[in-house]
Every structure is written in C-alpha cells, then in structure tokens.
N, C-alpha and C. Protein backbone atom coordinates (compact mmCIF):
# COMPACT_ATOMS: atom_id res chain seq x y z
N MET A 1 0.84 -1.18 0.00
CA MET A 1 0.00 0.00 0.00
C MET A 1 0.88 1.25 0.00
N SER A 2 0.45 2.23 -0.70
CA SER A 2 1.21 3.47 -0.86
C SER A 2 1.27 4.26 0.45
N PRO A 3 2.48 4.63 0.87
CA PRO A 3 2.59 5.46 2.08
C PRO A 3 1.85 6.79 1.93
N THR A 4 1.82 7.30 0.70
CA THR A 4 1.11 8.56 0.44
C THR A 4 -0.38 8.39 0.67
N LEU A 5 -0.94 7.27 0.20
CA LEU A 5 -2.37 7.01 0.40
C LEU A 5 -2.67 6.81 1.88
N GLU A 6 -1.83 6.08 2.59
CA GLU A 6 -2.03 5.88 4.02
C GLU A 6 -2.00 7.20 4.78
N ALA A 7 -1.08 8.09 4.40
CA ALA A 7 -0.99 9.40 5.04
C ALA A 7 -2.24 10.23 4.74
N ALA A 8 -2.69 10.18 3.50
CA ALA A 8 -3.90 10.92 3.11
C ALA A 8 -5.12 10.38 3.86
N PHE A 9 -5.17 9.06 4.04
CA PHE A 9 -6.27 8.42 4.77
C PHE A 9 -6.26 8.86 6.24
N GLN A 10 -5.09 8.85 6.85
CA GLN A 10 -4.98 9.27 8.25
C GLN A 10 -5.38 10.74 8.40
N GLN A 11 -4.95 11.58 7.45
CA GLN A 11 -5.31 12.99 7.49
C GLN A 11 -6.82 13.17 7.32
N ALA A 12 -7.40 12.41 6.39
CA ALA A 12 -8.85 12.51 6.16
C ALA A 12 -9.63 12.07 7.39
N SER A 13 -9.12 11.05 8.10
CA SER A 13 -9.83 10.58 9.30
C SER A 13 -9.77 11.63 10.41
N GLN A 14 -8.77 12.49 10.38
CA GLN A 14 -8.71 13.62 11.32
C GLN A 14 -9.57 14.78 10.82
N ASP A 15 -9.49 15.04 9.51
CA ASP A 15 -10.25 16.15 8.92
C ASP A 15 -11.76 15.98 9.09
N VAL A 16 -12.23 14.73 9.05
CA VAL A 16 -13.67 14.49 9.14
C VAL A 16 -14.21 14.97 10.49
N GLN A 17 -13.38 15.01 11.50
CA GLN A 17 -13.80 15.48 12.82
C GLN A 17 -13.94 17.01 12.86
N GLN A 18 -13.35 17.68 11.87
CA GLN A 18 -13.32 19.14 11.85
C GLN A 18 -14.22 19.77 10.78
N LEU A 19 -15.10 18.99 10.20
CA LEU A 19 -15.97 19.52 9.14
C LEU A 19 -16.87 20.61 9.70
N ASP A 20 -17.16 21.60 8.86
CA ASP A 20 -18.01 22.71 9.28
C ASP A 20 -19.44 22.26 9.56
N GLU A 21 -19.93 21.33 8.74
CA GLU A 21 -21.29 20.83 8.90
C GLU A 21 -21.26 19.33 9.14
N ARG A 22 -22.19 18.86 9.93
CA ARG A 22 -22.31 17.42 10.16
C ARG A 22 -22.79 16.77 8.86
N PRO A 23 -22.11 15.71 8.42
CA PRO A 23 -22.56 15.03 7.19
C PRO A 23 -23.95 14.41 7.36
N SER A 24 -24.60 14.19 6.25
CA SER A 24 -25.91 13.54 6.27
C SER A 24 -25.77 12.12 6.80
N ILE A 25 -26.88 11.53 7.20
CA ILE A 25 -26.87 10.14 7.68
C ILE A 25 -26.28 9.22 6.62
N GLU A 26 -26.66 9.44 5.37
CA GLU A 26 -26.15 8.62 4.26
C GLU A 26 -24.62 8.71 4.18
N ASN A 27 -24.10 9.93 4.26
CA ASN A 27 -22.64 10.10 4.20
C ASN A 27 -21.94 9.58 5.44
N LEU A 28 -22.58 9.71 6.60
CA LEU A 28 -21.99 9.15 7.82
C LEU A 28 -21.86 7.63 7.70
N LEU A 29 -22.89 6.98 7.14
CA LEU A 29 -22.84 5.53 6.94
C LEU A 29 -21.75 5.16 5.94
N LYS A 30 -21.61 5.95 4.87
CA LYS A 30 -20.56 5.69 3.89
C LYS A 30 -19.18 5.83 4.53
N LEU A 31 -19.01 6.89 5.31
CA LEU A 31 -17.72 7.11 5.98
C LEU A 31 -17.40 5.95 6.91
N TYR A 32 -18.37 5.54 7.69
CA TYR A 32 -18.18 4.43 8.62
C TYR A 32 -17.79 3.16 7.86
N ALA A 33 -18.56 2.83 6.83
CA ALA A 33 -18.33 1.60 6.09
C ALA A 33 -16.97 1.61 5.40
N LEU A 34 -16.61 2.73 4.78
CA LEU A 34 -15.32 2.82 4.11
C LEU A 34 -14.17 2.72 5.10
N TYR A 35 -14.31 3.35 6.26
CA TYR A 35 -13.26 3.29 7.27
C TYR A 35 -13.07 1.86 7.76
N LYS A 36 -14.19 1.19 8.06
CA LYS A 36 -14.11 -0.19 8.54
C LYS A 36 -13.52 -1.11 7.47
N GLN A 37 -13.94 -0.93 6.22
CA GLN A 37 -13.43 -1.77 5.14
C GLN A 37 -11.93 -1.53 4.94
N ALA A 38 -11.49 -0.28 5.06
CA ALA A 38 -10.08 0.04 4.89
C ALA A 38 -9.22 -0.50 6.03
N THR A 39 -9.76 -0.49 7.24
CA THR A 39 -8.95 -0.87 8.40
C THR A 39 -9.13 -2.31 8.85
N GLU A 40 -10.30 -2.92 8.55
CA GLU A 40 -10.57 -4.27 9.04
C GLU A 40 -10.90 -5.29 7.95
N GLY A 41 -11.16 -4.82 6.73
CA GLY A 41 -11.53 -5.73 5.66
C GLY A 41 -13.02 -6.01 5.66
N ASP A 42 -13.40 -7.15 5.07
CA ASP A 42 -14.81 -7.49 4.95
C ASP A 42 -15.49 -7.63 6.31
N VAL A 43 -16.78 -7.30 6.32
CA VAL A 43 -17.58 -7.34 7.54
C VAL A 43 -17.50 -8.73 8.19
N GLN A 44 -17.53 -8.72 9.52
CA GLN A 44 -17.46 -9.96 10.28
C GLN A 44 -18.58 -9.96 11.32
N GLY A 45 -18.89 -11.13 11.80
CA GLY A 45 -19.90 -11.24 12.85
C GLY A 45 -21.30 -11.33 12.28
N GLU A 46 -22.24 -11.37 13.21
CA GLU A 46 -23.65 -11.49 12.83
C GLU A 46 -24.30 -10.13 12.71
N ARG A 47 -25.27 -10.06 11.84
CA ARG A 47 -26.04 -8.83 11.66
C ARG A 47 -26.84 -8.56 12.94
N PRO A 48 -26.79 -7.31 13.43
CA PRO A 48 -27.56 -6.98 14.64
C PRO A 48 -29.06 -7.23 14.45
N GLY A 49 -29.74 -7.44 15.55
CA GLY A 49 -31.17 -7.72 15.52
C GLY A 49 -32.02 -6.53 15.13
N MET A 50 -33.29 -6.78 14.95
CA MET A 50 -34.24 -5.76 14.49
C MET A 50 -34.32 -4.54 15.42
N MET A 51 -34.11 -4.74 16.69
CA MET A 51 -34.25 -3.64 17.64
C MET A 51 -33.05 -2.70 17.62
N ASP A 52 -31.94 -3.12 17.07
CA ASP A 52 -30.73 -2.30 16.98
C ASP A 52 -30.65 -1.71 15.57
N MET A 53 -31.50 -0.71 15.31
CA MET A 53 -31.58 -0.15 13.96
C MET A 53 -30.28 0.54 13.55
N LYS A 54 -29.65 1.24 14.47
CA LYS A 54 -28.40 1.93 14.15
C LYS A 54 -27.30 0.91 13.82
N GLY A 55 -27.16 -0.09 14.67
CA GLY A 55 -26.15 -1.12 14.44
C GLY A 55 -26.41 -1.88 13.15
N ARG A 56 -27.66 -2.11 12.87
CA ARG A 56 -28.04 -2.84 11.66
C ARG A 56 -27.71 -2.02 10.42
N ALA A 57 -27.98 -0.71 10.45
CA ALA A 57 -27.66 0.16 9.31
C ALA A 57 -26.15 0.22 9.07
N LYS A 58 -25.39 0.31 10.15
CA LYS A 58 -23.93 0.33 10.02
C LYS A 58 -23.41 -0.99 9.46
N PHE A 59 -23.94 -2.09 9.97
CA PHE A 59 -23.53 -3.41 9.49
C PHE A 59 -23.84 -3.55 7.99
N ASP A 60 -25.05 -3.16 7.59
CA ASP A 60 -25.46 -3.29 6.20
C ASP A 60 -24.61 -2.41 5.28
N ALA A 61 -24.29 -1.20 5.73
CA ALA A 61 -23.44 -0.32 4.92
C ALA A 61 -22.06 -0.95 4.71
N TRP A 62 -21.50 -1.50 5.78
CA TRP A 62 -20.19 -2.14 5.69
C TRP A 62 -20.27 -3.40 4.83
N ALA A 63 -21.31 -4.20 5.02
CA ALA A 63 -21.48 -5.43 4.23
C ALA A 63 -21.61 -5.12 2.74
N GLY A 64 -22.13 -3.95 2.41
CA GLY A 64 -22.27 -3.54 1.02
C GLY A 64 -20.95 -3.33 0.31
N LEU A 65 -19.88 -3.25 1.07
CA LEU A 65 -18.55 -3.05 0.49
C LEU A 65 -17.74 -4.34 0.41
N GLN A 66 -18.40 -5.45 0.66
CA GLN A 66 -17.75 -6.76 0.63
C GLN A 66 -16.88 -6.91 -0.62
N GLY A 67 -15.62 -7.27 -0.43
CA GLY A 67 -14.71 -7.50 -1.55
C GLY A 67 -13.93 -6.29 -2.00
N LEU A 68 -14.28 -5.10 -1.51
CA LEU A 68 -13.54 -3.89 -1.87
C LEU A 68 -12.18 -3.93 -1.18
N SER A 69 -11.13 -3.66 -1.93
CA SER A 69 -9.78 -3.72 -1.34
C SER A 69 -9.59 -2.58 -0.34
N ALA A 70 -8.68 -2.79 0.59
CA ALA A 70 -8.37 -1.76 1.59
C ALA A 70 -7.89 -0.49 0.90
N GLN A 71 -7.09 -0.64 -0.14
CA GLN A 71 -6.56 0.52 -0.85
C GLN A 71 -7.68 1.32 -1.52
N ASP A 72 -8.61 0.63 -2.17
CA ASP A 72 -9.73 1.31 -2.81
C ASP A 72 -10.64 1.97 -1.77
N ALA A 73 -10.84 1.30 -0.63
CA ALA A 73 -11.66 1.87 0.44
C ALA A 73 -11.01 3.13 0.99
N MET A 74 -9.70 3.09 1.18
CA MET A 74 -8.99 4.28 1.66
C MET A 74 -9.15 5.44 0.69
N GLN A 75 -8.96 5.16 -0.61
CA GLN A 75 -9.08 6.22 -1.61
C GLN A 75 -10.49 6.78 -1.65
N ASP A 76 -11.50 5.91 -1.60
CA ASP A 76 -12.89 6.37 -1.60
C ASP A 76 -13.19 7.21 -0.35
N TYR A 77 -12.63 6.83 0.80
CA TYR A 77 -12.83 7.57 2.04
C TYR A 77 -12.23 8.97 1.90
N VAL A 78 -10.99 9.03 1.41
CA VAL A 78 -10.31 10.32 1.23
C VAL A 78 -11.13 11.20 0.28
N ASP A 79 -11.59 10.62 -0.83
CA ASP A 79 -12.37 11.38 -1.81
C ASP A 79 -13.67 11.90 -1.20
N LEU A 80 -14.33 11.07 -0.40
CA LEU A 80 -15.60 11.49 0.22
C LEU A 80 -15.36 12.62 1.21
N VAL A 81 -14.33 12.49 2.04
CA VAL A 81 -14.04 13.57 3.00
C VAL A 81 -13.73 14.87 2.27
N GLU A 82 -12.95 14.78 1.20
CA GLU A 82 -12.64 15.99 0.42
C GLU A 82 -13.90 16.63 -0.15
N SER A 83 -14.84 15.81 -0.59
CA SER A 83 -16.09 16.34 -1.17
C SER A 83 -16.97 16.99 -0.10
N LEU A 84 -16.77 16.62 1.16
CA LEU A 84 -17.58 17.18 2.25
C LEU A 84 -17.01 18.45 2.83
N LYS A 85 -15.79 18.79 2.47
CA LYS A 85 -15.14 19.99 3.00
C LYS A 85 -15.76 21.24 2.42
C-alpha cells in the first residue's frame, strides 16, 4: 500500500472530525463503512437484531462493500471527506 495514500487516509480521518457541517446520515454511513473496510476488511460477525436499527444500518453499509480492497476503500474515504469539506 502506498505510504502517500495511508498518510492521506490518516489525514482525512482527522479532517472528518473538523468539518463545518455534520454530514448527512447517508454520508456518515458511507464514511463508517469505508473506514471499517479500509482498516478491518470485509464485515465480520452477525447482523444486529431488528431492535438495533443503528447497528443494523452500520452493518449493512459495511457489508455492502464486501470484496472492496483496503486501498480502494482508503481512496474512496479520502475522496468522500474531500467532497464534504
């Protein structure tokens, strides 16, 4: 993996905390899923139950990225954070 991409990813993960406006729910789920895919790979564990709607939405967003490489997830995360600035 490119050290430049890793540095950009780390910077984006810090920049996202400093955004002027809170991202939409859709973008928050994308950010979460891309971060998890970049740092942990494909989703693991069981899907949360019906009563855990937030956990279920996060799980489903992450599961939607199944098979995406860590490098591609990092680049997509960086691009999304840049678009939200």
